[in-house]
N, C-alpha and C. Protein backbone atom coordinates (compact mmCIF):
# COMPACT_ATOMS: atom_id res chain seq x y z
N MET A 1 192.30 -79.62 -34.46
CA MET A 1 191.09 -79.67 -33.77
C MET A 1 190.68 -78.24 -33.35
N ARG A 2 191.65 -77.48 -32.79
CA ARG A 2 191.34 -76.14 -32.38
C ARG A 2 190.79 -75.26 -33.50
N MET A 3 191.39 -75.38 -34.65
CA MET A 3 190.95 -74.57 -35.80
C MET A 3 189.46 -74.91 -36.19
N ARG A 4 189.17 -76.16 -36.10
CA ARG A 4 187.75 -76.58 -36.42
C ARG A 4 186.81 -75.97 -35.41
N GLN A 5 187.11 -75.92 -34.13
CA GLN A 5 186.31 -75.29 -33.12
C GLN A 5 186.12 -73.82 -33.38
N TRP A 6 187.21 -73.16 -33.80
CA TRP A 6 187.04 -71.68 -34.04
C TRP A 6 186.18 -71.46 -35.31
N ILE A 7 186.25 -72.33 -36.27
CA ILE A 7 185.42 -72.19 -37.43
C ILE A 7 183.94 -72.37 -36.99
N ILE A 8 183.71 -73.37 -36.25
CA ILE A 8 182.32 -73.63 -35.75
C ILE A 8 181.78 -72.41 -35.01
N VAL A 9 182.58 -71.90 -34.09
CA VAL A 9 182.18 -70.70 -33.31
C VAL A 9 181.89 -69.50 -34.24
N ALA A 10 182.75 -69.32 -35.24
CA ALA A 10 182.54 -68.17 -36.17
C ALA A 10 181.29 -68.37 -36.99
N LEU A 11 181.00 -69.61 -37.43
CA LEU A 11 179.83 -69.89 -38.14
C LEU A 11 178.59 -69.62 -37.29
N MET A 12 178.61 -70.11 -36.06
CA MET A 12 177.44 -69.92 -35.14
C MET A 12 177.23 -68.36 -34.94
N ALA A 13 178.26 -67.64 -34.75
CA ALA A 13 178.15 -66.15 -34.56
C ALA A 13 177.53 -65.49 -35.80
N LEU A 14 177.95 -65.93 -36.95
CA LEU A 14 177.41 -65.37 -38.26
C LEU A 14 175.95 -65.78 -38.40
N LEU A 15 175.59 -66.99 -38.05
CA LEU A 15 174.17 -67.40 -38.08
C LEU A 15 173.28 -66.64 -37.12
N ALA A 16 173.85 -66.29 -35.97
CA ALA A 16 173.10 -65.58 -34.91
C ALA A 16 172.77 -64.13 -35.36
N LEU A 17 173.62 -63.52 -36.16
CA LEU A 17 173.42 -62.15 -36.52
C LEU A 17 172.07 -61.91 -37.30
N PRO A 18 171.72 -62.74 -38.32
CA PRO A 18 170.44 -62.49 -38.94
C PRO A 18 169.22 -62.65 -38.07
N VAL A 19 169.35 -63.60 -36.99
CA VAL A 19 168.22 -63.83 -36.10
C VAL A 19 168.03 -62.55 -35.31
N ALA A 20 169.10 -61.97 -34.76
CA ALA A 20 168.99 -60.68 -33.96
C ALA A 20 168.46 -59.64 -34.88
N ALA A 21 168.99 -59.48 -36.07
CA ALA A 21 168.48 -58.45 -37.01
C ALA A 21 167.02 -58.66 -37.33
N GLN A 22 166.59 -59.87 -37.54
CA GLN A 22 165.19 -60.17 -37.76
C GLN A 22 164.29 -59.68 -36.62
N ASP A 23 164.70 -59.94 -35.40
CA ASP A 23 163.92 -59.49 -34.26
C ASP A 23 163.81 -58.00 -34.26
N ASP A 24 164.91 -57.24 -34.40
CA ASP A 24 164.88 -55.85 -34.49
C ASP A 24 163.99 -55.34 -35.64
N GLU A 25 164.13 -56.00 -36.75
CA GLU A 25 163.31 -55.63 -37.97
C GLU A 25 161.84 -55.82 -37.67
N LEU A 26 161.47 -56.82 -36.96
CA LEU A 26 160.09 -57.16 -36.70
C LEU A 26 159.44 -56.02 -35.77
N LYS A 27 160.27 -55.44 -34.96
CA LYS A 27 159.75 -54.47 -34.00
C LYS A 27 159.14 -53.27 -34.65
N THR A 28 159.53 -52.98 -35.94
CA THR A 28 159.04 -51.88 -36.68
C THR A 28 157.73 -52.20 -37.43
N GLU A 29 157.30 -53.43 -37.46
CA GLU A 29 156.08 -53.86 -38.18
C GLU A 29 154.85 -53.43 -37.30
N PRO A 30 153.75 -53.02 -38.03
CA PRO A 30 152.54 -52.66 -37.30
C PRO A 30 151.89 -53.73 -36.48
N GLY A 31 152.15 -55.00 -36.84
CA GLY A 31 151.55 -56.09 -36.11
C GLY A 31 152.35 -56.68 -35.01
N TYR A 32 153.54 -56.02 -34.65
CA TYR A 32 154.44 -56.53 -33.59
C TYR A 32 153.84 -56.23 -32.22
N VAL A 33 154.01 -57.19 -31.36
CA VAL A 33 153.58 -57.07 -29.93
C VAL A 33 154.77 -57.41 -28.99
N ASP A 34 155.12 -56.52 -28.16
CA ASP A 34 156.09 -56.75 -27.12
C ASP A 34 155.42 -57.44 -25.89
N PHE A 35 155.70 -58.70 -25.73
CA PHE A 35 155.11 -59.49 -24.63
C PHE A 35 155.75 -59.26 -23.29
N GLY A 36 156.95 -58.64 -23.35
CA GLY A 36 157.72 -58.54 -22.10
C GLY A 36 158.36 -59.87 -21.88
N SER A 37 158.80 -60.13 -20.66
CA SER A 37 159.49 -61.38 -20.34
C SER A 37 158.93 -61.93 -19.01
N LEU A 38 158.83 -63.27 -19.00
CA LEU A 38 158.44 -63.96 -17.79
C LEU A 38 159.63 -64.83 -17.31
N GLU A 39 160.74 -64.62 -17.86
CA GLU A 39 161.90 -65.47 -17.52
C GLU A 39 162.31 -65.36 -16.05
N SER A 40 162.11 -64.17 -15.47
CA SER A 40 162.48 -63.98 -14.08
C SER A 40 161.57 -64.88 -13.12
N VAL A 41 160.39 -65.22 -13.66
CA VAL A 41 159.50 -66.06 -12.82
C VAL A 41 159.56 -67.53 -13.24
N TYR A 42 159.54 -67.81 -14.57
CA TYR A 42 159.45 -69.19 -15.03
C TYR A 42 160.73 -69.71 -15.62
N GLY A 43 161.78 -68.86 -15.76
CA GLY A 43 162.99 -69.34 -16.38
C GLY A 43 162.85 -69.18 -17.93
N GLU A 44 163.75 -69.81 -18.65
CA GLU A 44 163.70 -69.72 -20.14
C GLU A 44 162.40 -70.33 -20.65
N PRO A 45 161.91 -69.80 -21.71
CA PRO A 45 160.69 -70.46 -22.29
C PRO A 45 161.02 -71.88 -22.68
N LYS A 46 160.03 -72.79 -22.56
CA LYS A 46 160.29 -74.15 -22.98
C LYS A 46 160.22 -74.25 -24.51
N VAL A 47 159.56 -73.33 -25.11
CA VAL A 47 159.54 -73.14 -26.58
C VAL A 47 159.72 -71.66 -26.94
N MET A 48 160.60 -71.38 -27.78
CA MET A 48 160.82 -69.98 -28.26
C MET A 48 161.02 -70.02 -29.78
N VAL A 49 160.13 -69.42 -30.52
CA VAL A 49 160.33 -69.37 -31.97
C VAL A 49 160.30 -67.91 -32.41
N ASN A 50 161.29 -67.53 -33.18
CA ASN A 50 161.38 -66.18 -33.72
C ASN A 50 161.72 -66.34 -35.23
N ILE A 51 160.70 -66.23 -36.04
CA ILE A 51 160.99 -66.44 -37.49
C ILE A 51 160.58 -65.13 -38.27
N GLY A 52 161.60 -64.74 -39.07
CA GLY A 52 161.39 -63.51 -39.86
C GLY A 52 160.92 -63.83 -41.27
N ALA A 53 160.74 -62.72 -42.07
CA ALA A 53 160.23 -62.85 -43.36
C ALA A 53 161.03 -63.78 -44.30
N MET A 54 162.40 -63.66 -44.15
CA MET A 54 163.30 -64.41 -45.05
C MET A 54 163.09 -65.89 -44.85
N LEU A 55 163.07 -66.35 -43.61
CA LEU A 55 162.87 -67.75 -43.32
C LEU A 55 161.51 -68.27 -43.65
N LEU A 56 160.47 -67.38 -43.46
CA LEU A 56 159.13 -67.78 -43.82
C LEU A 56 158.97 -67.88 -45.32
N ALA A 57 159.64 -67.00 -46.07
CA ALA A 57 159.62 -67.19 -47.57
C ALA A 57 160.27 -68.48 -47.97
N PHE A 58 161.36 -68.79 -47.33
CA PHE A 58 162.05 -70.09 -47.64
C PHE A 58 161.22 -71.26 -47.28
N MET A 59 160.53 -71.18 -46.13
CA MET A 59 159.57 -72.27 -45.69
C MET A 59 158.48 -72.39 -46.71
N GLY A 60 157.96 -71.23 -47.15
CA GLY A 60 156.86 -71.20 -48.13
C GLY A 60 157.30 -71.85 -49.46
N GLN A 61 158.51 -71.65 -49.85
CA GLN A 61 158.98 -72.26 -51.11
C GLN A 61 159.10 -73.80 -50.91
N ALA A 62 159.55 -74.20 -49.74
CA ALA A 62 159.71 -75.56 -49.38
C ALA A 62 158.37 -76.32 -49.39
N ALA A 63 157.33 -75.55 -48.92
CA ALA A 63 155.99 -76.14 -48.74
C ALA A 63 155.18 -76.05 -50.07
N ASP A 64 155.69 -75.39 -51.03
CA ASP A 64 155.00 -75.13 -52.32
C ASP A 64 154.45 -76.41 -52.95
N SER A 65 155.31 -77.42 -53.08
CA SER A 65 154.92 -78.70 -53.71
C SER A 65 153.92 -79.54 -52.90
N HIS A 66 154.01 -79.42 -51.52
CA HIS A 66 153.16 -80.17 -50.66
C HIS A 66 151.83 -79.49 -50.36
N ASP A 67 151.87 -78.20 -50.13
CA ASP A 67 150.64 -77.53 -49.79
C ASP A 67 150.75 -76.07 -50.27
N PRO A 68 150.35 -75.82 -51.51
CA PRO A 68 150.44 -74.46 -52.07
C PRO A 68 149.75 -73.36 -51.32
N GLU A 69 148.63 -73.74 -50.72
CA GLU A 69 147.92 -72.79 -49.91
C GLU A 69 148.65 -72.28 -48.72
N VAL A 70 149.26 -73.21 -47.98
CA VAL A 70 150.10 -72.78 -46.82
C VAL A 70 151.36 -72.05 -47.31
N ALA A 71 151.88 -72.45 -48.44
CA ALA A 71 153.04 -71.80 -48.97
C ALA A 71 152.78 -70.33 -49.29
N GLU A 72 151.65 -70.01 -49.86
CA GLU A 72 151.28 -68.69 -50.20
C GLU A 72 151.02 -67.82 -48.97
N PHE A 73 150.36 -68.44 -47.93
CA PHE A 73 150.14 -67.75 -46.71
C PHE A 73 151.42 -67.38 -46.04
N MET A 74 152.41 -68.33 -45.97
CA MET A 74 153.69 -68.11 -45.37
C MET A 74 154.46 -66.94 -46.09
N ARG A 75 154.38 -66.89 -47.36
CA ARG A 75 155.07 -65.89 -48.13
C ARG A 75 154.56 -64.45 -47.80
N GLU A 76 153.29 -64.35 -47.36
CA GLU A 76 152.70 -63.03 -47.05
C GLU A 76 153.04 -62.59 -45.60
N LEU A 77 153.64 -63.46 -44.85
CA LEU A 77 153.89 -63.10 -43.44
C LEU A 77 155.28 -62.36 -43.29
N LYS A 78 155.37 -61.52 -42.29
CA LYS A 78 156.63 -60.87 -41.97
C LYS A 78 157.36 -61.59 -40.85
N GLY A 79 156.59 -62.19 -39.93
CA GLY A 79 157.20 -62.84 -38.82
C GLY A 79 156.24 -63.66 -37.93
N VAL A 80 156.79 -64.64 -37.32
CA VAL A 80 155.98 -65.44 -36.32
C VAL A 80 156.86 -65.54 -35.02
N ARG A 81 156.30 -65.18 -33.98
CA ARG A 81 156.94 -65.20 -32.66
C ARG A 81 156.10 -66.00 -31.71
N ILE A 82 156.77 -66.97 -31.05
CA ILE A 82 156.05 -67.86 -30.11
C ILE A 82 156.93 -68.03 -28.84
N ASN A 83 156.33 -67.74 -27.65
CA ASN A 83 157.02 -68.00 -26.40
C ASN A 83 156.06 -68.87 -25.58
N ILE A 84 156.51 -70.01 -25.16
CA ILE A 84 155.66 -70.87 -24.23
C ILE A 84 156.48 -71.17 -23.01
N TYR A 85 155.91 -70.82 -21.90
CA TYR A 85 156.53 -70.98 -20.60
C TYR A 85 155.73 -72.07 -19.81
N SER A 86 156.47 -72.84 -19.09
CA SER A 86 155.84 -73.82 -18.13
C SER A 86 155.47 -73.14 -16.87
N THR A 87 154.19 -73.05 -16.54
CA THR A 87 153.69 -72.32 -15.36
C THR A 87 153.71 -73.20 -14.11
N GLU A 88 153.65 -74.52 -14.24
CA GLU A 88 153.65 -75.43 -13.09
C GLU A 88 152.69 -75.03 -12.01
N GLY A 89 151.53 -74.62 -12.42
CA GLY A 89 150.48 -74.22 -11.43
C GLY A 89 150.55 -72.79 -10.94
N GLN A 90 151.61 -72.12 -11.19
CA GLN A 90 151.75 -70.63 -10.79
C GLN A 90 151.30 -69.77 -11.95
N VAL A 91 149.97 -69.54 -12.08
CA VAL A 91 149.43 -68.72 -13.15
C VAL A 91 149.40 -67.28 -12.98
N ALA A 92 149.48 -66.81 -11.71
CA ALA A 92 149.33 -65.31 -11.39
C ALA A 92 150.27 -64.51 -12.17
N PRO A 93 151.58 -64.81 -12.24
CA PRO A 93 152.49 -63.88 -12.97
C PRO A 93 152.18 -63.84 -14.44
N ALA A 94 151.75 -64.95 -15.04
CA ALA A 94 151.39 -64.97 -16.47
C ALA A 94 150.12 -64.19 -16.69
N MET A 95 149.15 -64.35 -15.79
CA MET A 95 147.91 -63.59 -15.82
C MET A 95 148.14 -62.07 -15.76
N ASP A 96 149.05 -61.69 -14.86
CA ASP A 96 149.43 -60.31 -14.75
C ASP A 96 150.07 -59.73 -16.09
N GLN A 97 150.87 -60.61 -16.69
CA GLN A 97 151.50 -60.16 -17.94
C GLN A 97 150.48 -60.08 -19.02
N VAL A 98 149.52 -60.97 -19.06
CA VAL A 98 148.48 -60.89 -20.07
C VAL A 98 147.68 -59.58 -19.85
N ALA A 99 147.38 -59.24 -18.63
CA ALA A 99 146.64 -58.01 -18.36
C ALA A 99 147.41 -56.77 -18.84
N LYS A 100 148.73 -56.74 -18.63
CA LYS A 100 149.62 -55.62 -19.11
C LYS A 100 149.53 -55.56 -20.63
N VAL A 101 149.68 -56.64 -21.26
CA VAL A 101 149.75 -56.65 -22.75
C VAL A 101 148.32 -56.28 -23.30
N LYS A 102 147.28 -56.75 -22.70
CA LYS A 102 145.93 -56.38 -23.11
C LYS A 102 145.74 -54.87 -23.03
N SER A 103 146.25 -54.22 -22.02
CA SER A 103 146.14 -52.78 -21.87
C SER A 103 146.92 -52.12 -22.93
N MET A 104 148.08 -52.57 -23.21
CA MET A 104 148.90 -52.00 -24.32
C MET A 104 148.26 -52.13 -25.65
N LEU A 105 147.66 -53.32 -25.94
CA LEU A 105 147.01 -53.57 -27.20
C LEU A 105 145.85 -52.65 -27.44
N ARG A 106 145.04 -52.52 -26.34
CA ARG A 106 143.85 -51.56 -26.50
C ARG A 106 144.28 -50.17 -26.78
N ALA A 107 145.45 -49.73 -26.16
CA ALA A 107 145.95 -48.39 -26.35
C ALA A 107 146.44 -48.28 -27.78
N GLN A 108 146.85 -49.32 -28.43
CA GLN A 108 147.36 -49.30 -29.83
C GLN A 108 146.33 -49.67 -30.84
N SER A 109 145.01 -49.61 -30.41
CA SER A 109 143.86 -49.86 -31.33
C SER A 109 143.84 -51.29 -31.89
N TRP A 110 144.31 -52.27 -31.17
CA TRP A 110 144.07 -53.65 -31.51
C TRP A 110 142.60 -54.00 -31.09
N GLU A 111 142.01 -54.89 -31.89
CA GLU A 111 140.66 -55.31 -31.60
C GLU A 111 140.66 -56.68 -30.98
N GLN A 112 139.95 -56.80 -29.90
CA GLN A 112 139.81 -58.11 -29.17
C GLN A 112 138.73 -58.88 -29.91
N VAL A 113 139.14 -60.10 -30.37
CA VAL A 113 138.15 -60.91 -31.10
C VAL A 113 137.68 -62.13 -30.28
N VAL A 114 138.50 -62.61 -29.30
CA VAL A 114 138.10 -63.68 -28.44
C VAL A 114 138.64 -63.40 -27.02
N GLN A 115 137.83 -63.70 -26.11
CA GLN A 115 138.19 -63.71 -24.71
C GLN A 115 137.45 -64.81 -24.03
N GLY A 116 138.26 -65.74 -23.40
CA GLY A 116 137.69 -66.81 -22.63
C GLY A 116 138.37 -66.89 -21.31
N GLN A 117 137.63 -67.02 -20.28
CA GLN A 117 138.21 -67.06 -18.93
C GLN A 117 137.38 -67.99 -18.06
N GLU A 118 138.12 -68.83 -17.42
CA GLU A 118 137.45 -69.79 -16.47
C GLU A 118 138.48 -70.20 -15.45
N ASP A 119 138.17 -69.92 -14.18
CA ASP A 119 139.11 -70.25 -13.06
C ASP A 119 140.49 -69.79 -13.39
N ASP A 120 141.50 -70.58 -13.46
CA ASP A 120 142.85 -70.21 -13.71
C ASP A 120 143.24 -70.42 -15.19
N GLU A 121 142.33 -70.32 -16.08
CA GLU A 121 142.55 -70.44 -17.47
C GLU A 121 142.01 -69.20 -18.23
N GLN A 122 142.82 -68.83 -19.18
CA GLN A 122 142.42 -67.63 -19.96
C GLN A 122 142.96 -67.69 -21.34
N VAL A 123 142.18 -67.30 -22.28
CA VAL A 123 142.57 -67.19 -23.71
C VAL A 123 142.18 -65.81 -24.20
N GLN A 124 143.09 -65.07 -24.84
CA GLN A 124 142.84 -63.76 -25.44
C GLN A 124 143.33 -63.76 -26.83
N ILE A 125 142.51 -63.34 -27.76
CA ILE A 125 143.02 -63.21 -29.16
C ILE A 125 142.67 -61.76 -29.63
N TYR A 126 143.66 -61.11 -30.16
CA TYR A 126 143.57 -59.78 -30.66
C TYR A 126 144.02 -59.71 -32.07
N MET A 127 143.46 -58.80 -32.83
CA MET A 127 143.94 -58.59 -34.25
C MET A 127 144.16 -57.10 -34.45
N LYS A 128 145.10 -56.81 -35.32
CA LYS A 128 145.39 -55.46 -35.72
C LYS A 128 145.08 -55.28 -37.17
N GLY A 129 144.07 -54.44 -37.51
CA GLY A 129 143.71 -54.26 -38.88
C GLY A 129 144.40 -52.95 -39.40
N GLY A 130 144.42 -52.88 -40.70
CA GLY A 130 144.98 -51.74 -41.40
C GLY A 130 144.29 -51.54 -42.73
N ALA A 131 144.79 -50.65 -43.54
CA ALA A 131 144.17 -50.41 -44.86
C ALA A 131 144.25 -51.56 -45.76
N GLU A 132 145.23 -52.43 -45.59
CA GLU A 132 145.41 -53.63 -46.39
C GLU A 132 144.85 -54.90 -45.80
N GLY A 133 144.12 -54.77 -44.71
CA GLY A 133 143.60 -56.03 -44.03
C GLY A 133 144.27 -56.23 -42.71
N MET A 134 144.24 -57.46 -42.28
CA MET A 134 144.84 -57.81 -40.98
C MET A 134 146.34 -57.81 -41.05
N GLN A 135 147.02 -57.05 -40.21
CA GLN A 135 148.45 -56.90 -40.11
C GLN A 135 149.07 -57.60 -38.96
N GLY A 136 148.28 -58.01 -38.01
CA GLY A 136 148.81 -58.69 -36.81
C GLY A 136 147.76 -59.47 -36.09
N LEU A 137 148.19 -60.64 -35.59
CA LEU A 137 147.30 -61.48 -34.79
C LEU A 137 148.10 -61.85 -33.55
N THR A 138 147.46 -61.74 -32.40
CA THR A 138 148.16 -62.09 -31.20
C THR A 138 147.23 -63.05 -30.32
N VAL A 139 147.82 -64.08 -29.82
CA VAL A 139 147.12 -65.03 -28.98
C VAL A 139 147.85 -65.16 -27.73
N MET A 140 147.15 -65.07 -26.58
CA MET A 140 147.72 -65.30 -25.28
C MET A 140 146.83 -66.24 -24.58
N ALA A 141 147.43 -67.35 -24.09
CA ALA A 141 146.66 -68.40 -23.36
C ALA A 141 147.45 -68.88 -22.23
N VAL A 142 146.72 -68.88 -21.08
CA VAL A 142 147.37 -69.33 -19.87
C VAL A 142 146.49 -70.37 -19.13
N ASP A 143 147.15 -71.42 -18.73
CA ASP A 143 146.47 -72.41 -17.84
C ASP A 143 147.47 -72.93 -16.80
N ASP A 144 147.07 -73.88 -16.01
CA ASP A 144 147.98 -74.30 -14.88
C ASP A 144 149.20 -75.02 -15.38
N GLU A 145 149.28 -75.39 -16.68
CA GLU A 145 150.48 -76.03 -17.26
C GLU A 145 151.40 -75.09 -17.96
N GLU A 146 150.88 -74.16 -18.80
CA GLU A 146 151.73 -73.32 -19.54
C GLU A 146 151.11 -71.98 -19.90
N ALA A 147 151.97 -71.04 -20.28
CA ALA A 147 151.55 -69.74 -20.74
C ALA A 147 152.05 -69.61 -22.19
N VAL A 148 151.18 -69.33 -23.16
CA VAL A 148 151.47 -69.29 -24.55
C VAL A 148 151.27 -67.87 -25.03
N PHE A 149 152.31 -67.30 -25.63
CA PHE A 149 152.26 -65.93 -26.25
C PHE A 149 152.63 -66.15 -27.70
N LEU A 150 151.68 -65.78 -28.65
CA LEU A 150 151.94 -65.96 -30.01
C LEU A 150 151.64 -64.69 -30.77
N ASN A 151 152.49 -64.29 -31.70
CA ASN A 151 152.37 -63.06 -32.44
C ASN A 151 152.69 -63.38 -33.91
N ILE A 152 151.74 -63.16 -34.78
CA ILE A 152 151.87 -63.38 -36.22
C ILE A 152 151.81 -62.04 -36.89
N LEU A 153 152.79 -61.67 -37.75
CA LEU A 153 152.82 -60.35 -38.31
C LEU A 153 152.90 -60.47 -39.85
N GLY A 154 152.22 -59.46 -40.52
CA GLY A 154 152.26 -59.49 -41.99
C GLY A 154 150.84 -59.44 -42.46
N ASN A 155 150.68 -59.75 -43.79
CA ASN A 155 149.34 -59.80 -44.37
C ASN A 155 148.69 -61.08 -44.06
N ILE A 156 147.73 -61.09 -43.21
CA ILE A 156 147.22 -62.33 -42.59
C ILE A 156 145.86 -62.62 -43.17
N ASP A 157 145.69 -63.79 -43.69
CA ASP A 157 144.35 -64.32 -44.12
C ASP A 157 143.78 -65.08 -42.92
N PRO A 158 142.76 -64.57 -42.27
CA PRO A 158 142.26 -65.18 -41.13
C PRO A 158 141.80 -66.67 -41.29
N SER A 159 141.36 -66.97 -42.54
CA SER A 159 140.87 -68.31 -42.74
C SER A 159 142.03 -69.33 -42.76
N LYS A 160 143.28 -68.88 -42.79
CA LYS A 160 144.42 -69.79 -42.91
C LYS A 160 145.26 -69.86 -41.61
N VAL A 161 144.84 -69.10 -40.59
CA VAL A 161 145.67 -69.04 -39.39
C VAL A 161 145.74 -70.44 -38.70
N GLY A 162 144.64 -71.22 -38.69
CA GLY A 162 144.62 -72.54 -38.09
C GLY A 162 145.61 -73.40 -38.75
N THR A 163 145.74 -73.28 -40.08
CA THR A 163 146.68 -74.13 -40.84
C THR A 163 148.08 -73.85 -40.37
N LEU A 164 148.43 -72.55 -40.20
CA LEU A 164 149.73 -72.14 -39.77
C LEU A 164 150.06 -72.69 -38.35
N MET A 165 149.03 -72.62 -37.45
CA MET A 165 149.23 -73.11 -36.10
C MET A 165 149.44 -74.63 -36.14
N GLU A 166 148.84 -75.33 -37.04
CA GLU A 166 149.10 -76.76 -37.21
C GLU A 166 150.54 -77.03 -37.69
N GLN A 167 151.00 -76.12 -38.62
CA GLN A 167 152.40 -76.25 -39.08
C GLN A 167 153.39 -76.15 -37.98
N PHE A 168 153.12 -75.31 -36.94
CA PHE A 168 154.03 -75.16 -35.84
C PHE A 168 153.61 -76.07 -34.62
N ASP A 169 152.57 -76.92 -34.85
CA ASP A 169 152.18 -77.82 -33.82
C ASP A 169 151.80 -77.15 -32.49
N ILE A 170 150.93 -76.07 -32.58
CA ILE A 170 150.48 -75.36 -31.46
C ILE A 170 149.04 -75.74 -31.11
N ASP A 171 148.83 -76.19 -29.91
CA ASP A 171 147.46 -76.43 -29.43
C ASP A 171 147.26 -75.41 -28.28
N LEU A 172 146.15 -74.72 -28.39
CA LEU A 172 145.79 -73.77 -27.39
C LEU A 172 144.79 -74.32 -26.49
N PRO A 173 144.85 -74.00 -25.16
CA PRO A 173 143.81 -74.48 -24.25
C PRO A 173 142.43 -73.96 -24.71
N GLN A 174 141.42 -74.67 -24.55
CA GLN A 174 140.11 -74.28 -24.90
C GLN A 174 139.50 -73.40 -23.84
N PRO A 175 138.86 -72.27 -24.22
CA PRO A 175 138.32 -71.41 -23.16
C PRO A 175 137.07 -72.00 -22.49
């Protein structure tokens, strides 16, 4: 029994290495956004997704027979990062973080494409363009229930972003 536990621990450690490497690899991409962390305020994110190019390509191959359009879109991506925190009515820290990230994005020549704000609800969407088209898309949405931080990296076809968000079952608050 002990040997089996050691094998499981070793496999888990080996599987964790590519995830850590993917995150570091994504940081060099032009569409990467550092959202900072809200863990000190809200605790662990209730949803955290960190998918690199290798897994996206695999997912694209798996989707090929069901939805070739989604499959092609996924193969063009370098990464998808999603952090969703439960705000439980405490929106001020998340709003502060959105303001910091907005400032950083503007300094890095990201273009704001959507801004919606009403009372304690806010939606911000930014895109990063380059010579080859859109290289990054960032969505930040905060309401009294949750704070959503989404970053899509790679060659992005804007007409297919909604399809990808459906694949990950993401609903954003309406501005």
